[in-house]
Structure formats: C-alpha cells, structure tokens
C-alpha cells in the first residue's frame, strides 16, 4: 500500500511539473537567428507546434515577445508604428504556424562574445472554434544566443 502511495505522489508531481513547464495546447520553441548579412537585422524565431489541431493562434492581436530586462544581450526592436486592425469575432484570422513568427531584435552594446541564454516570454491569444472559447497564453522561453 505504501509503495502505491509513493508511486502515485511521484506521478502527480511529475504531471504538475510537466504542466507548469509549458502550454497545454502548444509546444513553443524560441531560437536566435543571426543577421544573414550586415544590412539585415537578427531576429528571434518562435515556433508554435499545436498539440490539438482544433486550437488556433489568433493573428490579431499579434503574438508579443518580452525579454528579461536584467539581461543585456538582446533588445526587442519596436515594430513599425502601425495600428493593428480590429479583431472581427465573426471572421477570425489565424496564424500559419508552419513557419516561425519572427521578432526583430538588436544585439546589446554590452553583449560579450560567447554563448548566452536569454530568458523571455511570449504572449499570444488562441481559440478553439469547436469548444467555443478564446484565451490568452503566456509561455516562458529560453533563447540560446551566440555572440561572435
């Protein structure tokens, strides 16, 4: 009986930590993409992989990347100041998640050469048309960055 209780507690703790580690509807990975040439800018590419094909990420409002303010390796570049169109609930638009969402970034002047891990978070809105709900999601990400 005691062995069963210990095994059950271990399974509950493992399930709780797996749930806390990510979204129940998406696997989210962020990678640093260096500038391909001197005139281009680097980016953080965020790849969303759906765990449920019915759950979709809204295009409006667009996903947002926020970086840990304590780090000095990357900074998010402000997007062009254009007003996002209004969301039309009767005609939703969803992201094509077969390609990563790219966020332009800049390298910090104080970034030292070498490999760094930059922490951040991605906020996004997603919906299930089948179940009739929409939610805001926020997922923590760790971005490996190689500064040369």
N, C-alpha and C. Protein backbone atom coordinates (compact mmCIF):
# COMPACT_ATOMS: atom_id res chain seq x y z
N UNK A 1 0.82 -1.19 0.00
CA UNK A 1 0.00 0.00 0.00
C UNK A 1 0.87 1.26 0.00
N UNK A 2 1.94 1.25 0.81
CA UNK A 2 2.84 2.40 0.88
C UNK A 2 3.54 2.64 -0.46
N UNK A 3 3.93 1.57 -1.15
CA UNK A 3 4.59 1.70 -2.45
C UNK A 3 3.65 2.32 -3.47
N UNK A 4 2.38 1.97 -3.42
CA UNK A 4 1.40 2.55 -4.35
C UNK A 4 1.24 4.03 -4.07
N UNK A 5 1.18 4.43 -2.80
CA UNK A 5 1.02 5.83 -2.45
C UNK A 5 2.23 6.64 -2.92
N UNK A 6 3.45 6.13 -2.71
CA UNK A 6 4.66 6.82 -3.15
C UNK A 6 4.67 6.95 -4.67
N UNK A 7 4.32 5.91 -5.38
CA UNK A 7 4.29 5.96 -6.84
C UNK A 7 3.26 6.97 -7.31
N UNK A 8 2.10 7.04 -6.66
CA UNK A 8 1.06 7.98 -7.05
C UNK A 8 1.51 9.41 -6.81
N UNK A 9 2.14 9.69 -5.66
CA UNK A 9 2.64 11.03 -5.37
C UNK A 9 3.71 11.42 -6.39
N UNK A 10 4.60 10.51 -6.73
CA UNK A 10 5.62 10.79 -7.74
C UNK A 10 5.02 11.12 -9.09
N UNK A 11 3.99 10.39 -9.49
CA UNK A 11 3.33 10.65 -10.78
C UNK A 11 2.64 12.00 -10.75
N UNK A 12 1.97 12.36 -9.65
CA UNK A 12 1.28 13.65 -9.54
C UNK A 12 2.29 14.79 -9.62
N UNK A 13 3.43 14.67 -8.94
CA UNK A 13 4.45 15.72 -9.00
C UNK A 13 5.03 15.84 -10.40
N UNK A 14 5.28 14.74 -11.08
CA UNK A 14 5.80 14.78 -12.45
C UNK A 14 4.79 15.43 -13.38
N UNK A 15 3.52 15.10 -13.24
CA UNK A 15 2.48 15.69 -14.09
C UNK A 15 2.36 17.18 -13.82
N UNK A 16 2.45 17.60 -12.56
CA UNK A 16 2.35 19.02 -12.23
C UNK A 16 3.51 19.81 -12.82
N UNK A 17 4.73 19.26 -12.75
CA UNK A 17 5.88 19.99 -13.30
C UNK A 17 5.83 20.03 -14.82
N UNK A 18 5.33 18.97 -15.47
CA UNK A 18 5.21 18.99 -16.93
C UNK A 18 4.19 20.01 -17.37
N UNK A 19 3.08 20.15 -16.63
CA UNK A 19 2.06 21.12 -16.99
C UNK A 19 2.57 22.54 -16.80
N UNK A 20 3.32 22.77 -15.72
CA UNK A 20 3.82 24.11 -15.43
C UNK A 20 4.88 24.52 -16.44
N UNK A 21 5.53 23.56 -17.07
CA UNK A 21 6.64 23.87 -17.98
C UNK A 21 6.18 24.45 -19.30
N UNK A 22 4.94 24.26 -19.70
CA UNK A 22 4.53 24.78 -21.00
C UNK A 22 3.02 24.84 -21.14
N UNK A 23 2.60 25.24 -22.31
CA UNK A 23 1.18 25.37 -22.61
C UNK A 23 0.55 24.00 -22.83
N UNK A 24 -0.70 23.82 -22.38
CA UNK A 24 -1.36 22.55 -22.64
C UNK A 24 -1.79 22.41 -24.11
N UNK A 25 -1.75 23.51 -24.87
CA UNK A 25 -2.22 23.46 -26.26
C UNK A 25 -1.11 23.61 -27.30
N UNK A 26 0.07 24.11 -26.88
CA UNK A 26 1.16 24.34 -27.83
C UNK A 26 2.50 24.00 -27.21
N UNK A 27 3.42 23.50 -28.02
CA UNK A 27 4.83 23.44 -27.67
C UNK A 27 5.43 24.69 -28.30
N UNK A 28 6.24 25.41 -27.54
CA UNK A 28 6.78 26.68 -28.03
C UNK A 28 8.29 26.65 -27.88
N UNK A 29 8.98 26.94 -28.99
CA UNK A 29 10.44 26.98 -29.01
C UNK A 29 10.88 28.31 -29.60
N UNK A 30 11.90 28.91 -29.00
CA UNK A 30 12.44 30.17 -29.49
C UNK A 30 13.91 29.98 -29.81
N UNK A 31 14.33 30.48 -30.96
CA UNK A 31 15.73 30.40 -31.36
C UNK A 31 16.20 31.75 -31.86
N UNK A 32 17.47 32.01 -31.69
CA UNK A 32 18.09 33.23 -32.19
C UNK A 32 18.52 33.00 -33.64
N UNK A 33 18.19 33.94 -34.51
CA UNK A 33 18.57 33.86 -35.92
C UNK A 33 19.50 35.04 -36.21
N UNK A 34 20.80 34.79 -36.38
CA UNK A 34 21.72 35.91 -36.64
C UNK A 34 21.41 36.58 -37.97
N UNK A 35 21.85 37.82 -38.09
CA UNK A 35 21.65 38.56 -39.34
C UNK A 35 22.41 37.86 -40.46
N UNK A 36 21.74 37.59 -41.61
CA UNK A 36 22.41 36.89 -42.70
C UNK A 36 23.46 37.75 -43.42
N UNK A 37 23.34 39.08 -43.27
CA UNK A 37 24.32 39.99 -43.87
C UNK A 37 24.35 41.27 -43.03
N UNK A 38 25.35 42.14 -43.25
CA UNK A 38 25.49 43.33 -42.40
C UNK A 38 24.30 44.30 -42.46
N UNK A 39 23.54 44.30 -43.54
CA UNK A 39 22.41 45.22 -43.66
C UNK A 39 21.12 44.67 -43.04
N UNK A 40 21.10 43.38 -42.73
CA UNK A 40 19.91 42.76 -42.14
C UNK A 40 20.02 42.81 -40.62
N UNK A 41 18.90 42.57 -39.98
CA UNK A 41 18.94 42.54 -38.52
C UNK A 41 18.64 41.13 -38.00
N UNK A 42 19.21 40.80 -36.85
CA UNK A 42 18.94 39.48 -36.27
C UNK A 42 17.49 39.41 -35.80
N UNK A 43 17.05 38.20 -35.47
CA UNK A 43 15.67 38.00 -35.03
C UNK A 43 15.61 36.86 -34.03
N UNK A 44 14.51 36.80 -33.33
CA UNK A 44 14.17 35.64 -32.53
C UNK A 44 13.00 34.98 -33.25
N UNK A 45 13.17 33.71 -33.60
CA UNK A 45 12.12 32.96 -34.29
C UNK A 45 11.41 32.09 -33.26
N UNK A 46 10.09 32.25 -33.17
CA UNK A 46 9.29 31.48 -32.22
C UNK A 46 8.42 30.51 -33.02
N UNK A 47 8.60 29.24 -32.73
CA UNK A 47 7.84 28.20 -33.42
C UNK A 47 6.78 27.63 -32.48
N UNK A 48 5.53 27.71 -32.92
CA UNK A 48 4.40 27.15 -32.18
C UNK A 48 4.05 25.81 -32.83
N UNK A 49 3.97 24.76 -32.05
CA UNK A 49 3.55 23.45 -32.53
C UNK A 49 2.28 23.08 -31.78
N UNK A 50 1.18 22.91 -32.52
CA UNK A 50 -0.11 22.63 -31.89
C UNK A 50 -0.17 21.21 -31.36
N UNK A 51 -0.69 21.08 -30.13
CA UNK A 51 -0.94 19.76 -29.56
C UNK A 51 -2.35 19.30 -29.90
N UNK A 52 -3.24 20.24 -30.20
CA UNK A 52 -4.62 19.97 -30.60
C UNK A 52 -4.86 20.72 -31.91
N UNK A 53 -5.10 20.02 -33.02
CA UNK A 53 -5.24 20.70 -34.31
C UNK A 53 -6.43 21.66 -34.37
N UNK A 54 -7.37 21.57 -33.43
CA UNK A 54 -8.52 22.48 -33.42
C UNK A 54 -8.18 23.83 -32.80
N UNK A 55 -7.16 23.89 -31.97
CA UNK A 55 -6.81 25.14 -31.29
C UNK A 55 -5.88 25.95 -32.18
N UNK A 56 -6.26 27.20 -32.44
CA UNK A 56 -5.54 28.07 -33.37
C UNK A 56 -5.08 29.33 -32.66
N UNK A 57 -3.93 29.88 -33.10
CA UNK A 57 -3.43 31.14 -32.55
C UNK A 57 -3.96 32.29 -33.41
N UNK A 58 -4.51 33.29 -32.73
CA UNK A 58 -5.07 34.44 -33.43
C UNK A 58 -3.96 35.27 -34.07
N UNK A 59 -4.26 35.80 -35.23
CA UNK A 59 -3.35 36.70 -35.91
C UNK A 59 -3.44 38.10 -35.30
N UNK A 60 -4.66 38.45 -34.84
CA UNK A 60 -4.91 39.76 -34.23
C UNK A 60 -5.51 39.52 -32.85
N UNK A 61 -4.97 40.01 -31.79
CA UNK A 61 -3.70 40.73 -31.71
C UNK A 61 -2.52 39.78 -31.92
N UNK A 62 -1.47 40.34 -32.49
CA UNK A 62 -0.29 39.54 -32.83
C UNK A 62 0.44 39.08 -31.58
N UNK A 63 1.11 37.94 -31.65
CA UNK A 63 1.95 37.50 -30.52
C UNK A 63 3.01 38.56 -30.22
N UNK A 64 3.41 38.61 -28.95
CA UNK A 64 4.40 39.58 -28.49
C UNK A 64 5.52 38.85 -27.76
N UNK A 65 6.73 39.34 -27.96
CA UNK A 65 7.91 38.81 -27.28
C UNK A 65 8.38 39.84 -26.27
N UNK A 66 8.62 39.39 -25.05
CA UNK A 66 9.15 40.26 -24.00
C UNK A 66 10.40 39.58 -23.46
N UNK A 67 11.50 40.33 -23.39
CA UNK A 67 12.76 39.79 -22.90
C UNK A 67 13.00 40.22 -21.47
N UNK A 68 13.73 39.40 -20.73
CA UNK A 68 14.08 39.69 -19.34
C UNK A 68 14.84 41.01 -19.30
N UNK A 69 14.35 42.01 -18.55
CA UNK A 69 15.04 43.31 -18.52
C UNK A 69 16.41 43.26 -17.85
N UNK A 70 16.71 42.21 -17.09
CA UNK A 70 18.01 42.12 -16.41
C UNK A 70 19.14 41.73 -17.36
N UNK A 71 18.81 41.19 -18.51
CA UNK A 71 19.86 40.76 -19.45
C UNK A 71 20.24 41.92 -20.37
N UNK A 72 21.46 41.88 -20.94
CA UNK A 72 21.92 42.96 -21.81
C UNK A 72 22.37 42.45 -23.18
N UNK A 73 21.99 41.22 -23.51
CA UNK A 73 22.44 40.62 -24.77
C UNK A 73 21.55 41.03 -25.94
N UNK A 74 20.23 40.96 -25.76
CA UNK A 74 19.28 41.27 -26.83
C UNK A 74 18.30 42.35 -26.41
N UNK A 75 17.79 43.06 -27.41
CA UNK A 75 16.69 44.00 -27.18
C UNK A 75 15.69 43.82 -28.31
N UNK A 76 14.41 43.88 -27.98
CA UNK A 76 13.37 43.75 -28.99
C UNK A 76 13.27 45.07 -29.73
N UNK A 77 13.30 45.02 -31.05
CA UNK A 77 13.15 46.22 -31.87
C UNK A 77 11.68 46.58 -31.92
N UNK A 78 11.39 47.86 -31.79
CA UNK A 78 10.00 48.31 -31.89
C UNK A 78 9.52 48.09 -33.32
N UNK A 79 8.33 47.52 -33.44
CA UNK A 79 7.77 47.33 -34.77
C UNK A 79 7.29 48.67 -35.29
N UNK A 80 7.11 48.73 -36.58
CA UNK A 80 6.63 49.97 -37.19
C UNK A 80 5.34 50.40 -36.49
N UNK A 81 5.23 51.68 -36.24
CA UNK A 81 4.04 52.16 -35.53
C UNK A 81 2.85 52.19 -36.50
N UNK A 82 2.24 51.04 -36.63
CA UNK A 82 1.03 50.96 -37.44
C UNK A 82 -0.05 50.37 -36.56
N UNK A 83 -1.22 50.85 -36.75
CA UNK A 83 -2.32 50.39 -35.92
C UNK A 83 -2.77 49.02 -36.40
N UNK A 84 -2.91 48.10 -35.44
CA UNK A 84 -3.41 46.77 -35.77
C UNK A 84 -4.88 46.88 -36.13
N UNK A 85 -5.32 46.15 -37.15
CA UNK A 85 -6.74 46.18 -37.47
C UNK A 85 -7.56 45.59 -36.32
N UNK A 86 -8.82 45.98 -36.28
CA UNK A 86 -9.71 45.46 -35.24
C UNK A 86 -9.94 43.97 -35.46
N UNK A 87 -10.08 43.24 -34.36
CA UNK A 87 -10.39 41.83 -34.44
C UNK A 87 -11.88 41.68 -34.74
N UNK A 88 -12.22 40.87 -35.70
CA UNK A 88 -13.61 40.63 -36.07
C UNK A 88 -13.99 39.21 -35.62
N UNK A 89 -14.72 39.07 -34.50
CA UNK A 89 -15.04 37.73 -34.00
C UNK A 89 -15.79 36.86 -35.01
N UNK A 90 -16.56 37.46 -35.88
CA UNK A 90 -17.31 36.67 -36.86
C UNK A 90 -16.42 36.18 -38.01
N UNK A 91 -15.25 36.78 -38.15
CA UNK A 91 -14.33 36.40 -39.22
C UNK A 91 -12.90 36.33 -38.66
N UNK A 92 -12.61 35.34 -37.80
CA UNK A 92 -11.29 35.28 -37.17
C UNK A 92 -10.19 34.96 -38.18
N UNK A 93 -9.00 35.49 -37.89
CA UNK A 93 -7.83 35.20 -38.71
C UNK A 93 -6.80 34.53 -37.81
N UNK A 94 -6.24 33.44 -38.31
CA UNK A 94 -5.31 32.66 -37.51
C UNK A 94 -3.93 32.65 -38.15
N UNK A 95 -2.92 32.54 -37.30
CA UNK A 95 -1.53 32.46 -37.78
C UNK A 95 -1.28 31.15 -38.50
N UNK A 96 -0.45 31.21 -39.50
CA UNK A 96 0.06 30.00 -40.13
C UNK A 96 1.26 29.57 -39.29
N UNK A 97 1.09 28.53 -38.49
CA UNK A 97 2.17 28.14 -37.59
C UNK A 97 3.13 27.12 -38.20
N UNK A 98 3.02 26.93 -39.53
CA UNK A 98 4.00 26.05 -40.18
C UNK A 98 5.36 26.74 -40.30
N UNK A 99 5.36 28.07 -40.15
CA UNK A 99 6.61 28.84 -40.16
C UNK A 99 6.71 29.59 -38.83
N UNK A 100 7.92 29.82 -38.35
CA UNK A 100 8.06 30.54 -37.08
C UNK A 100 7.65 32.00 -37.21
N UNK A 101 7.23 32.57 -36.10
CA UNK A 101 6.94 34.00 -36.02
C UNK A 101 8.27 34.67 -35.69
N UNK A 102 8.64 35.68 -36.47
CA UNK A 102 9.94 36.34 -36.29
C UNK A 102 9.77 37.68 -35.60
N UNK A 103 10.62 37.91 -34.60
CA UNK A 103 10.64 39.17 -33.87
C UNK A 103 12.02 39.80 -34.08
N UNK A 104 12.10 40.97 -34.74
CA UNK A 104 13.39 41.63 -34.93
C UNK A 104 13.99 42.02 -33.57
N UNK A 105 15.28 41.77 -33.43
CA UNK A 105 15.99 42.11 -32.20
C UNK A 105 17.30 42.80 -32.55
N UNK A 106 17.88 43.42 -31.57
CA UNK A 106 19.20 44.02 -31.72
C UNK A 106 20.13 43.42 -30.69
N UNK A 107 21.41 43.37 -31.01
CA UNK A 107 22.40 42.90 -30.05
C UNK A 107 22.78 44.07 -29.16
N UNK A 108 22.84 43.82 -27.86
CA UNK A 108 23.22 44.87 -26.93
C UNK A 108 24.67 45.26 -27.08
N UNK A 109 24.96 46.53 -26.85
CA UNK A 109 26.34 47.01 -26.97
C UNK A 109 27.24 46.35 -25.93
N UNK A 110 26.67 45.94 -24.81
CA UNK A 110 27.45 45.31 -23.74
C UNK A 110 27.53 43.79 -23.87
N UNK A 111 26.97 43.24 -24.94
CA UNK A 111 26.98 41.77 -25.12
C UNK A 111 28.41 41.29 -25.35
N UNK A 112 28.84 40.36 -24.53
CA UNK A 112 30.19 39.81 -24.67
C UNK A 112 30.16 38.61 -25.60
N UNK A 113 31.29 38.32 -26.20
CA UNK A 113 31.37 37.17 -27.10
C UNK A 113 31.13 35.89 -26.32
N UNK A 114 30.51 34.94 -27.02
CA UNK A 114 30.26 33.65 -26.39
C UNK A 114 28.79 33.28 -26.47
N UNK A 115 28.44 32.21 -25.79
CA UNK A 115 27.06 31.72 -25.79
C UNK A 115 26.36 32.21 -24.54
N UNK A 116 25.17 32.74 -24.72
CA UNK A 116 24.34 33.26 -23.63
C UNK A 116 22.96 32.63 -23.73
N UNK A 117 22.27 32.56 -22.62
CA UNK A 117 20.87 32.13 -22.60
C UNK A 117 20.05 33.33 -22.14
N UNK A 118 19.18 33.80 -23.03
CA UNK A 118 18.33 34.95 -22.74
C UNK A 118 16.94 34.43 -22.41
N UNK A 119 16.43 34.85 -21.26
CA UNK A 119 15.09 34.45 -20.85
C UNK A 119 14.08 35.49 -21.33
N UNK A 120 12.89 35.01 -21.63
CA UNK A 120 11.83 35.91 -22.05
C UNK A 120 10.49 35.21 -21.97
N UNK A 121 9.48 35.87 -22.51
CA UNK A 121 8.15 35.26 -22.55
C UNK A 121 7.46 35.68 -23.83
N UNK A 122 6.58 34.81 -24.28
CA UNK A 122 5.78 35.07 -25.48
C UNK A 122 4.32 35.09 -25.05
N UNK A 123 3.62 36.17 -25.40
CA UNK A 123 2.19 36.28 -25.11
C UNK A 123 1.43 36.16 -26.42
N UNK A 124 0.32 35.45 -26.41
CA UNK A 124 -0.47 35.22 -27.62
C UNK A 124 -1.90 34.91 -27.21
N UNK A 125 -2.82 35.05 -28.16
CA UNK A 125 -4.22 34.71 -27.94
C UNK A 125 -4.56 33.54 -28.83
N UNK A 126 -5.34 32.60 -28.32
CA UNK A 126 -5.69 31.41 -29.08
C UNK A 126 -7.12 31.02 -28.81
N UNK A 127 -7.71 30.28 -29.76
CA UNK A 127 -9.12 29.93 -29.67
C UNK A 127 -9.37 28.49 -30.11
N UNK A 128 -10.46 27.94 -29.59
CA UNK A 128 -10.97 26.65 -30.05
C UNK A 128 -12.36 26.89 -30.61
N UNK A 129 -12.50 26.81 -31.90
CA UNK A 129 -13.81 27.02 -32.52
C UNK A 129 -14.76 25.89 -32.14
N UNK A 130 -14.25 24.67 -32.05
CA UNK A 130 -15.06 23.51 -31.71
C UNK A 130 -15.68 23.65 -30.32
N UNK A 131 -14.87 24.11 -29.36
CA UNK A 131 -15.35 24.23 -27.99
C UNK A 131 -15.88 25.62 -27.65
N UNK A 132 -15.67 26.60 -28.55
CA UNK A 132 -16.23 27.94 -28.38
C UNK A 132 -15.59 28.79 -27.31
N UNK A 133 -14.25 28.79 -27.21
CA UNK A 133 -13.59 29.64 -26.24
C UNK A 133 -12.33 30.26 -26.83
N UNK A 134 -11.88 31.36 -26.23
CA UNK A 134 -10.61 32.01 -26.56
C UNK A 134 -9.91 32.35 -25.26
N UNK A 135 -8.58 32.32 -25.28
CA UNK A 135 -7.79 32.58 -24.08
C UNK A 135 -6.50 33.30 -24.45
N UNK A 136 -5.92 33.93 -23.44
CA UNK A 136 -4.59 34.50 -23.60
C UNK A 136 -3.60 33.47 -23.06
N UNK A 137 -2.54 33.25 -23.80
CA UNK A 137 -1.49 32.35 -23.36
C UNK A 137 -0.19 33.12 -23.18
N UNK A 138 0.57 32.72 -22.20
CA UNK A 138 1.91 33.28 -21.98
C UNK A 138 2.83 32.10 -21.68
N UNK A 139 3.92 32.02 -22.41
CA UNK A 139 4.88 30.93 -22.20
C UNK A 139 6.27 31.51 -22.03
N UNK A 140 6.97 31.00 -21.03
CA UNK A 140 8.36 31.39 -20.82
C UNK A 140 9.23 30.67 -21.84
N UNK A 141 10.24 31.38 -22.34
CA UNK A 141 11.17 30.78 -23.30
C UNK A 141 12.60 31.09 -22.86
N UNK A 142 13.50 30.23 -23.26
CA UNK A 142 14.93 30.46 -23.08
C UNK A 142 15.56 30.43 -24.47
N UNK A 143 16.28 31.49 -24.81
CA UNK A 143 16.80 31.65 -26.17
C UNK A 143 18.32 31.56 -26.12
N UNK A 144 18.90 30.50 -26.70
CA UNK A 144 20.37 30.44 -26.77
C UNK A 144 20.87 31.42 -27.83
N UNK A 145 21.83 32.27 -27.44
CA UNK A 145 22.35 33.29 -28.35
C UNK A 145 23.87 33.16 -28.41
N UNK A 146 24.39 33.04 -29.64
CA UNK A 146 25.84 33.00 -29.82
C UNK A 146 26.27 34.37 -30.35
N UNK A 147 27.09 35.07 -29.57
CA UNK A 147 27.61 36.38 -29.97
C UNK A 147 29.03 36.16 -30.46
N UNK A 148 29.30 36.61 -31.68
CA UNK A 148 30.64 36.44 -32.28
C UNK A 148 31.42 37.72 -32.32
